[in-house]
Amino acid sequence: MVRVRVSWVDYDPKIIVIVLMLMILSLLRFVLVPPRLKILSIFGIDASAM
């Protein structure tokens, strides 16, 4: 098991993979959504992250 050391938190590699996958999916959705809805999707992502 390889652990990635960060100064404040010790992350589990599986968590990093999941986060990267979520970021990629959100980016793909951002790219695929029509321009009018991009702002709404940004606010939706921000609201869900809060």
PDB file of N, CA and C in Angstrom:
ATOM      1  N   MET A   1       0.850  -1.197   0.000  1.00  0.00           N
ATOM      2  CA  MET A   1       0.000   0.000   0.000  1.00  0.00           C
ATOM      3  C   MET A   1       0.886   1.247   0.000  1.00  0.00           C
ATOM      4  N   VAL A   2       0.652   2.089  -0.976  1.00  0.00           N
ATOM      5  CA  VAL A   2       1.393   3.348  -1.039  1.00  0.00           C
ATOM      6  C   VAL A   2       0.516   4.448  -0.456  1.00  0.00           C
ATOM      7  N   ARG A   3       1.057   5.173   0.525  1.00  0.00           N
ATOM      8  CA  ARG A   3       0.286   6.263   1.133  1.00  0.00           C
ATOM      9  C   ARG A   3       0.864   7.592   0.679  1.00  0.00           C
ATOM     10  N   VAL A   4      -0.040   8.501   0.311  1.00  0.00           N
ATOM     11  CA  VAL A   4       0.391   9.836  -0.108  1.00  0.00           C
ATOM     12  C   VAL A   4       0.358  10.747   1.112  1.00  0.00           C
ATOM     13  N   ARG A   5       1.509  11.291   1.456  1.00  0.00           N
ATOM     14  CA  ARG A   5       1.595  12.130   2.650  1.00  0.00           C
ATOM     15  C   ARG A   5       1.291  13.581   2.301  1.00  0.00           C
ATOM     16  N   VAL A   6       0.303  14.141   2.974  1.00  0.00           N
ATOM     17  CA  VAL A   6       0.008  15.570   2.850  1.00  0.00           C
ATOM     18  C   VAL A   6       0.229  16.176   4.223  1.00  0.00           C
ATOM     19  N   SER A   7       0.642  17.448   4.254  1.00  0.00           N
ATOM     20  CA  SER A   7       1.089  18.042   5.509  1.00  0.00           C
ATOM     21  C   SER A   7       0.009  17.983   6.586  1.00  0.00           C
ATOM     22  N   TRP A   8      -1.264  18.155   6.214  1.00  0.00           N
ATOM     23  CA  TRP A   8      -2.300  18.207   7.250  1.00  0.00           C
ATOM     24  C   TRP A   8      -3.110  16.920   7.365  1.00  0.00           C
ATOM     25  N   VAL A   9      -3.175  16.134   6.307  1.00  0.00           N
ATOM     26  CA  VAL A   9      -3.995  14.920   6.352  1.00  0.00           C
ATOM     27  C   VAL A   9      -3.222  13.788   5.695  1.00  0.00           C
ATOM     28  N   ASP A  10      -3.439  12.581   6.197  1.00  0.00           N
ATOM     29  CA  ASP A  10      -2.867  11.390   5.571  1.00  0.00           C
ATOM     30  C   ASP A  10      -3.972  10.723   4.760  1.00  0.00           C
ATOM     31  N   TYR A  11      -3.939  10.907   3.454  1.00  0.00           N
ATOM     32  CA  TYR A  11      -5.013  10.410   2.592  1.00  0.00           C
ATOM     33  C   TYR A  11      -4.821   8.938   2.262  1.00  0.00           C
ATOM     34  N   ASP A  12      -5.954   8.240   2.176  1.00  0.00           N
ATOM     35  CA  ASP A  12      -5.935   6.857   1.698  1.00  0.00           C
ATOM     36  C   ASP A  12      -5.976   6.891   0.171  1.00  0.00           C
ATOM     37  N   PRO A  13      -5.149   6.125  -0.531  1.00  0.00           N
ATOM     38  CA  PRO A  13      -5.110   6.162  -2.006  1.00  0.00           C
ATOM     39  C   PRO A  13      -6.477   5.965  -2.635  1.00  0.00           C
ATOM     40  N   LYS A  14      -7.313   5.109  -2.025  1.00  0.00           N
ATOM     41  CA  LYS A  14      -8.638   4.872  -2.606  1.00  0.00           C
ATOM     42  C   LYS A  14      -9.460   6.147  -2.619  1.00  0.00           C
ATOM     43  N   ILE A  15      -9.330   6.953  -1.555  1.00  0.00           N
ATOM     44  CA  ILE A  15     -10.083   8.205  -1.497  1.00  0.00           C
ATOM     45  C   ILE A  15      -9.628   9.131  -2.625  1.00  0.00           C
ATOM     46  N   ILE A  16      -8.305   9.176  -2.855  1.00  0.00           N
ATOM     47  CA  ILE A  16      -7.783  10.039  -3.920  1.00  0.00           C
ATOM     48  C   ILE A  16      -8.338   9.597  -5.269  1.00  0.00           C
ATOM     49  N   VAL A  17      -8.379   8.279  -5.511  1.00  0.00           N
ATOM     50  CA  VAL A  17      -8.898   7.776  -6.786  1.00  0.00           C
ATOM     51  C   VAL A  17     -10.369   8.167  -6.946  1.00  0.00           C
ATOM     52  N   ILE A  18     -11.149   8.012  -5.869  1.00  0.00           N
ATOM     53  CA  ILE A  18     -12.575   8.364  -5.948  1.00  0.00           C
ATOM     54  C   ILE A  18     -12.737   9.846  -6.234  1.00  0.00           C
ATOM     55  N   VAL A  19     -11.952  10.685  -5.537  1.00  0.00           N
ATOM     56  CA  VAL A  19     -12.053  12.132  -5.749  1.00  0.00           C
ATOM     57  C   VAL A  19     -11.684  12.489  -7.182  1.00  0.00           C
ATOM     58  N   LEU A  20     -10.613  11.872  -7.699  1.00  0.00           N
ATOM     59  CA  LEU A  20     -10.213  12.154  -9.077  1.00  0.00           C
ATOM     60  C   LEU A  20     -11.313  11.748 -10.053  1.00  0.00           C
ATOM     61  N   MET A  21     -11.929  10.586  -9.817  1.00  0.00           N
ATOM     62  CA  MET A  21     -13.006  10.147 -10.703  1.00  0.00           C
ATOM     63  C   MET A  21     -14.173  11.121 -10.660  1.00  0.00           C
ATOM     64  N   LEU A  22     -14.525  11.595  -9.463  1.00  0.00           N
ATOM     65  CA  LEU A  22     -15.625  12.554  -9.348  1.00  0.00           C
ATOM     66  C   LEU A  22     -15.280  13.855 -10.063  1.00  0.00           C
ATOM     67  N   MET A  23     -14.031  14.304  -9.914  1.00  0.00           N
ATOM     68  CA  MET A  23     -13.630  15.536 -10.597  1.00  0.00           C
ATOM     69  C   MET A  23     -13.704  15.358 -12.107  1.00  0.00           C
ATOM     70  N   ILE A  24     -13.245  14.212 -12.613  1.00  0.00           N
ATOM     71  CA  ILE A  24     -13.290  13.963 -14.056  1.00  0.00           C
ATOM     72  C   ILE A  24     -14.735  13.914 -14.544  1.00  0.00           C
ATOM     73  N   LEU A  25     -15.601  13.247 -13.783  1.00  0.00           N
ATOM     74  CA  LEU A  25     -17.009  13.171 -14.186  1.00  0.00           C
ATOM     75  C   LEU A  25     -17.645  14.554 -14.203  1.00  0.00           C
ATOM     76  N   SER A  26     -17.344  15.369 -13.187  1.00  0.00           N
ATOM     77  CA  SER A  26     -17.931  16.712 -13.152  1.00  0.00           C
ATOM     78  C   SER A  26     -17.398  17.553 -14.307  1.00  0.00           C
ATOM     79  N   LEU A  27     -16.110  17.378 -14.652  1.00  0.00           N
ATOM     80  CA  LEU A  27     -15.553  18.115 -15.782  1.00  0.00           C
ATOM     81  C   LEU A  27     -16.211  17.664 -17.087  1.00  0.00           C
ATOM     82  N   LEU A  28     -16.412  16.357 -17.243  1.00  0.00           N
ATOM     83  CA  LEU A  28     -17.068  15.862 -18.453  1.00  0.00           C
ATOM     84  C   LEU A  28     -18.482  16.415 -18.544  1.00  0.00           C
ATOM     85  N   ARG A  29     -19.210  16.409 -17.424  1.00  0.00           N
ATOM     86  CA  ARG A  29     -20.562  16.952 -17.437  1.00  0.00           C
ATOM     87  C   ARG A  29     -20.514  18.436 -17.784  1.00  0.00           C
ATOM     88  N   PHE A  30     -19.526  19.138 -17.221  1.00  0.00           N
ATOM     89  CA  PHE A  30     -19.386  20.573 -17.499  1.00  0.00           C
ATOM     90  C   PHE A  30     -19.159  20.803 -18.995  1.00  0.00           C
ATOM     91  N   VAL A  31     -18.342  19.939 -19.624  1.00  0.00           N
ATOM     92  CA  VAL A  31     -18.035  20.114 -21.050  1.00  0.00           C
ATOM     93  C   VAL A  31     -19.232  19.736 -21.915  1.00  0.00           C
ATOM     94  N   LEU A  32     -19.962  18.682 -21.505  1.00  0.00           N
ATOM     95  CA  LEU A  32     -21.039  18.182 -22.349  1.00  0.00           C
ATOM     96  C   LEU A  32     -22.317  19.016 -22.239  1.00  0.00           C
ATOM     97  N   VAL A  33     -22.473  19.738 -21.109  1.00  0.00           N
ATOM     98  CA  VAL A  33     -23.697  20.523 -20.921  1.00  0.00           C
ATOM     99  C   VAL A  33     -23.656  21.752 -21.834  1.00  0.00           C
ATOM    100  N   PRO A  34     -24.795  22.123 -22.434  1.00  0.00           N
ATOM    101  CA  PRO A  34     -24.850  23.324 -23.274  1.00  0.00           C
ATOM    102  C   PRO A  34     -24.444  24.573 -22.490  1.00  0.00           C
ATOM    103  N   PRO A  35     -23.885  25.584 -23.171  1.00  0.00           N
ATOM    104  CA  PRO A  35     -23.340  26.779 -22.495  1.00  0.00           C
ATOM    105  C   PRO A  35     -24.337  27.451 -21.558  1.00  0.00           C
ATOM    106  N   ARG A  36     -25.628  27.473 -21.924  1.00  0.00           N
ATOM    107  CA  ARG A  36     -26.602  28.165 -21.084  1.00  0.00           C
ATOM    108  C   ARG A  36     -26.670  27.528 -19.699  1.00  0.00           C
ATOM    109  N   LEU A  37     -26.502  26.201 -19.625  1.00  0.00           N
ATOM    110  CA  LEU A  37     -26.687  25.486 -18.369  1.00  0.00           C
ATOM    111  C   LEU A  37     -25.399  25.358 -17.570  1.00  0.00           C
ATOM    112  N   LYS A  38     -24.267  25.803 -18.155  1.00  0.00           N
ATOM    113  CA  LYS A  38     -22.989  25.616 -17.457  1.00  0.00           C
ATOM    114  C   LYS A  38     -22.972  26.375 -16.139  1.00  0.00           C
ATOM    115  N   ILE A  39     -23.479  27.604 -16.127  1.00  0.00           N
ATOM    116  CA  ILE A  39     -23.457  28.394 -14.892  1.00  0.00           C
ATOM    117  C   ILE A  39     -24.299  27.699 -13.830  1.00  0.00           C
ATOM    118  N   LEU A  40     -25.472  27.192 -14.226  1.00  0.00           N
ATOM    119  CA  LEU A  40     -26.330  26.491 -13.267  1.00  0.00           C
ATOM    120  C   LEU A  40     -25.626  25.258 -12.736  1.00  0.00           C
ATOM    121  N   SER A  41     -24.903  24.523 -13.610  1.00  0.00           N
ATOM    122  CA  SER A  41     -24.212  23.310 -13.159  1.00  0.00           C
ATOM    123  C   SER A  41     -23.089  23.676 -12.192  1.00  0.00           C
ATOM    124  N   ILE A  42     -22.417  24.817 -12.433  1.00  0.00           N
ATOM    125  CA  ILE A  42     -21.362  25.250 -11.507  1.00  0.00           C
ATOM    126  C   ILE A  42     -21.979  25.506 -10.136  1.00  0.00           C
ATOM    127  N   PHE A  43     -23.105  26.242 -10.121  1.00  0.00           N
ATOM    128  CA  PHE A  43     -23.745  26.530  -8.834  1.00  0.00           C
ATOM    129  C   PHE A  43     -24.238  25.247  -8.181  1.00  0.00           C
ATOM    130  N   GLY A  44     -24.724  24.294  -8.988  1.00  0.00           N
ATOM    131  CA  GLY A  44     -25.188  23.030  -8.425  1.00  0.00           C
ATOM    132  C   GLY A  44     -24.046  22.267  -7.787  1.00  0.00           C
ATOM    133  N   ILE A  45     -22.868  22.236  -8.465  1.00  0.00           N
ATOM    134  CA  ILE A  45     -21.711  21.538  -7.907  1.00  0.00           C
ATOM    135  C   ILE A  45     -21.277  22.230  -6.618  1.00  0.00           C
ATOM    136  N   ASP A  46     -21.245  23.589  -6.636  1.00  0.00           N
ATOM    137  CA  ASP A  46     -20.842  24.313  -5.434  1.00  0.00           C
ATOM    138  C   ASP A  46     -21.824  24.065  -4.303  1.00  0.00           C
ATOM    139  N   ALA A  47     -23.120  24.036  -4.616  1.00  0.00           N
ATOM    140  CA  ALA A  47     -24.119  23.835  -3.565  1.00  0.00           C
ATOM    141  C   ALA A  47     -23.989  22.439  -2.957  1.00  0.00           C
ATOM    142  N   SER A  48     -23.730  21.448  -3.787  1.00  0.00           N
ATOM    143  CA  SER A  48     -23.613  20.082  -3.270  1.00  0.00           C
ATOM    144  C   SER A  48     -22.324  19.923  -2.470  1.00  0.00           C
ATOM    145  N   ALA A  49     -21.299  20.691  -2.818  1.00  0.00           N
ATOM    146  CA  ALA A  49     -20.025  20.578  -2.107  1.00  0.00           C
ATOM    147  C   ALA A  49     -20.096  21.242  -0.736  1.00  0.00           C
ATOM    148  N   MET A  50     -20.940  22.251  -0.583  1.00  0.00           N
ATOM    149  CA  MET A  50     -21.033  22.977   0.690  1.00  0.00           C
ATOM    150  C   MET A  50     -21.583  22.067   1.782  1.00  0.00           C
TER     151      MET A  50
END
